[in-house]
Each structure stands twice: as structure tokens, then as C-alpha cells.
Amino acid sequence: MEQTAQHLFETIEKALPLLHQISEAAASAKPRPEKWSKLEILGHLIDSACNNQHKFVRTMEAKRHVDFVGYAQNFWVESQAYNTANWLDIIALWENFNRHLAHIIRNTPPEKLENTISIDGSEPFTLGFIMTDYVEHLKHHLKQILPEGGFTSSFENLY
């Protein structure tokens, strides 16, 4: 999982300066009333990091398989009022949470990567798949936040 951890570290490093270029006003602007703002999308990525930390650790702890509950992502974003949070604070929380996840991924014992997890009764996924998929999910949402071209082109050669 060294490659996945490194990919996450590189994603953080490439995204940070671009996130810092976004103003507070631009971060909280909603494209449409029912759509998330950039601030809410980054908040969602914090929630995803939180949920995935639990998935990673609980799946490592399990003998073979763990059942995990999903989460109501819209409720999480709304109930935490991300759109009224300080943009720089949210960036810092996102950065540090993801650095910690990269640390977890890097230090996961190889024999644990085949442990499986089901989420809300889904078919089982291996821990290795969940870790790799997490980074792809993160990149998907960062592309929604960051300026067209700059971020996307930076990541074409990664992974």
C-alpha cells in the first residue's frame, strides 16, 4: 500500500496551494441552492476521511470480515454547517486528516489487506480496495472544487 499512501500524500501536496487560492466568498458560494458549495464539498471530504478511518481500523481489527453502516452524507454536511465554517480551518482539517489516513495506509500490515468489509449490506470489498478507492473518491471531489485544468493535469501522471 506504499504506492497508495504516496499517491495520497502527493494529492494533498498538489491540492493545498490551489485550495488556498480560493477566497472565502468563492468557497461558500453555492452553484444552485440544492448543490454543495466548495466549502461543503471539502467538508464532505472530511466526513469521508472520518468514515474511512473507521473502516480502515475496524477492518484491520476484524478476524476476516466486518459489516459497516453507511452514512447520510447530505445530513452530515448540513448538520455540521460547513458552509458557515472558516475556509482556512476546513482546509487545515482536511489536510491533517488525510495525512493521518496516508500514515494508516502506509502502516497497514499486508496480511490485513485481504480482510473484507461490507457497507450497508453490499458485496464485500477488500481493505486494500477500500483504501485505494478512497484516494480516487478524494480526487473526484477535488476536481469539483479546484480550477479547471490546473488540478486535473497535475494528477494525470500520478498513480
Protein backbone atom coordinates (compact mmCIF):
# COMPACT_ATOMS: atom_id res chain seq x y z
CA MET A 1 0.00 0.00 0.00
CA GLU A 2 3.05 2.22 -0.11
CA GLN A 3 2.05 3.44 -3.57
CA THR A 4 -1.48 4.32 -2.42
CA ALA A 5 -0.15 6.19 0.63
CA GLN A 6 2.35 8.07 -1.52
CA HIS A 7 -0.37 8.93 -4.00
CA LEU A 8 -2.48 10.38 -1.19
CA PHE A 9 0.47 12.44 0.12
CA GLU A 10 1.14 13.77 -3.40
CA THR A 11 -2.54 14.60 -3.90
CA ILE A 12 -2.55 16.62 -0.68
CA GLU A 13 0.61 18.50 -1.68
CA LYS A 14 -0.69 19.34 -5.15
CA ALA A 15 -4.14 20.40 -3.93
CA LEU A 16 -3.12 22.60 -0.99
CA PRO A 17 -1.78 25.63 -2.89
CA LEU A 18 -4.80 25.53 -5.20
CA LEU A 19 -7.22 25.35 -2.27
CA HIS A 20 -5.50 28.34 -0.67
CA GLN A 21 -6.09 30.38 -3.83
CA ILE A 22 -9.87 30.14 -3.37
CA SER A 23 -11.41 33.05 -1.48
CA GLU A 24 -13.78 32.59 1.45
CA ALA A 25 -16.60 34.07 -0.66
CA ALA A 26 -15.92 31.74 -3.58
CA ALA A 27 -15.65 28.75 -1.24
CA SER A 28 -19.09 29.35 0.27
CA ALA A 29 -20.89 30.24 -2.98
CA LYS A 30 -23.46 27.61 -3.94
CA PRO A 31 -23.83 26.99 -7.70
CA ARG A 32 -27.51 26.21 -7.11
CA PRO A 33 -29.50 26.04 -3.86
CA GLU A 34 -29.55 22.21 -3.90
CA LYS A 35 -25.84 21.84 -4.80
CA TRP A 36 -22.94 21.88 -2.38
CA SER A 37 -20.52 24.81 -2.28
CA LYS A 38 -16.77 24.19 -2.47
CA LEU A 39 -16.72 24.52 1.31
CA GLU A 40 -19.41 21.87 1.68
CA ILE A 41 -17.61 19.54 -0.76
CA LEU A 42 -14.40 19.86 1.27
CA GLY A 43 -16.48 19.24 4.41
CA HIS A 44 -17.85 16.11 2.75
CA LEU A 45 -14.26 15.00 2.14
CA ILE A 46 -13.55 15.46 5.86
CA ASP A 47 -16.60 13.33 6.66
CA SER A 48 -15.40 10.75 4.16
CA ALA A 49 -11.97 10.75 5.82
CA CYS A 50 -13.61 10.25 9.22
CA ASN A 51 -15.76 7.38 8.00
CA ASN A 52 -12.89 5.77 6.14
CA GLN A 53 -10.62 5.97 9.17
CA HIS A 54 -13.20 3.84 11.00
CA LYS A 55 -13.47 1.45 8.04
CA PHE A 56 -9.69 1.05 7.82
CA VAL A 57 -9.11 0.45 11.52
CA ARG A 58 -12.16 -1.73 12.12
CA THR A 59 -11.40 -3.87 9.08
CA MET A 60 -7.81 -4.33 10.29
CA GLU A 61 -9.13 -5.32 13.72
CA ALA A 62 -11.59 -7.90 12.37
CA LYS A 63 -10.54 -11.51 12.02
CA ARG A 64 -11.75 -11.60 8.41
CA HIS A 65 -14.89 -9.59 7.71
CA VAL A 66 -16.68 -6.57 9.14
CA ASP A 67 -20.13 -5.13 8.44
CA PHE A 68 -20.17 -1.35 8.39
CA VAL A 69 -23.01 1.14 8.24
CA GLY A 70 -23.16 3.79 5.54
CA TYR A 71 -23.74 7.41 6.36
CA ALA A 72 -26.22 10.04 5.25
CA GLN A 73 -23.76 12.39 3.56
CA ASN A 74 -26.21 15.24 2.97
CA PHE A 75 -27.26 15.18 6.63
CA TRP A 76 -23.63 15.15 7.74
CA VAL A 77 -22.78 18.18 5.59
CA GLU A 78 -25.90 20.14 6.61
CA SER A 79 -25.79 19.29 10.32
CA GLN A 80 -22.18 20.44 10.62
CA ALA A 81 -22.95 23.75 8.86
CA TYR A 82 -19.81 23.54 6.77
CA ASN A 83 -20.93 26.43 4.59
CA THR A 84 -20.56 28.79 7.55
CA ALA A 85 -17.19 27.40 8.68
CA ASN A 86 -13.88 29.18 8.14
CA TRP A 87 -12.39 28.09 4.79
CA LEU A 88 -8.79 28.03 6.05
CA ASP A 89 -9.75 25.98 9.11
CA ILE A 90 -11.54 23.45 6.92
CA ILE A 91 -8.52 23.23 4.59
CA ALA A 92 -6.24 22.57 7.59
CA LEU A 93 -8.56 19.90 8.99
CA TRP A 94 -8.83 18.21 5.57
CA GLU A 95 -5.05 18.29 5.13
CA ASN A 96 -4.21 16.86 8.53
CA PHE A 97 -6.90 14.19 8.49
CA ASN A 98 -5.70 12.97 5.11
CA ARG A 99 -2.04 12.98 6.15
CA HIS A 100 -3.10 10.72 9.00
CA LEU A 101 -5.00 8.41 6.63
CA ALA A 102 -1.92 8.18 4.41
CA HIS A 103 0.04 7.21 7.52
CA ILE A 104 -2.52 4.49 8.34
CA ILE A 105 -2.46 3.17 4.77
CA ARG A 106 1.35 3.12 4.73
CA ASN A 107 1.47 1.18 8.02
CA THR A 108 -1.28 -1.36 7.40
CA PRO A 109 0.08 -4.89 7.79
CA PRO A 110 -0.01 -6.59 4.37
CA GLU A 111 -1.91 -9.60 5.73
CA LYS A 112 -4.78 -7.30 6.75
CA LEU A 113 -5.34 -6.00 3.20
CA GLU A 114 -7.39 -9.09 2.30
CA ASN A 115 -9.81 -8.60 5.21
CA THR A 116 -13.20 -7.66 3.85
CA ILE A 117 -15.87 -5.11 4.62
CA SER A 118 -19.50 -4.79 3.58
CA ILE A 119 -21.15 -1.39 3.75
CA ASP A 120 -24.91 -1.32 4.27
CA GLY A 121 -25.17 -4.94 3.16
CA SER A 122 -23.11 -4.50 -0.03
CA GLU A 123 -20.99 -7.22 -1.54
CA PRO A 124 -17.69 -7.46 0.34
CA PHE A 125 -14.70 -5.33 -0.62
CA THR A 126 -11.13 -5.95 0.49
CA LEU A 127 -9.46 -3.43 2.75
CA GLY A 128 -6.85 -2.87 0.03
CA PHE A 129 -9.59 -1.93 -2.43
CA ILE A 130 -11.30 0.41 0.07
CA MET A 131 -8.01 2.22 0.71
CA THR A 132 -7.22 2.68 -2.97
CA ASP A 133 -10.80 3.67 -3.78
CA TYR A 134 -10.72 6.30 -1.03
CA VAL A 135 -7.94 8.19 -2.82
CA GLU A 136 -9.86 8.08 -6.11
CA HIS A 137 -13.00 9.39 -4.36
CA LEU A 138 -10.98 12.22 -2.87
CA LYS A 139 -9.56 13.17 -6.28
CA HIS A 140 -13.02 13.07 -7.86
CA HIS A 141 -14.31 15.67 -5.42
CA LEU A 142 -11.17 17.81 -5.53
CA LYS A 143 -11.71 18.14 -9.27
CA GLN A 144 -15.13 19.64 -8.46
CA ILE A 145 -13.56 22.24 -6.18
CA LEU A 146 -10.35 23.25 -7.89
CA PRO A 147 -9.81 25.35 -11.00
CA GLU A 148 -10.29 23.58 -14.31
CA GLY A 149 -7.07 22.27 -15.82
CA GLY A 150 -4.54 23.05 -13.08
CA PHE A 151 -5.53 20.23 -10.78
CA THR A 152 -6.58 17.69 -13.40
CA SER A 153 -3.36 17.97 -15.39
CA SER A 154 -1.30 17.72 -12.19
CA PHE A 155 -2.78 14.32 -11.44
CA GLU A 156 -2.73 12.62 -14.82
CA ASN A 157 0.77 11.27 -14.19
CA LEU A 158 0.09 10.09 -10.66
CA TYR A 159 -0.79 6.51 -9.82
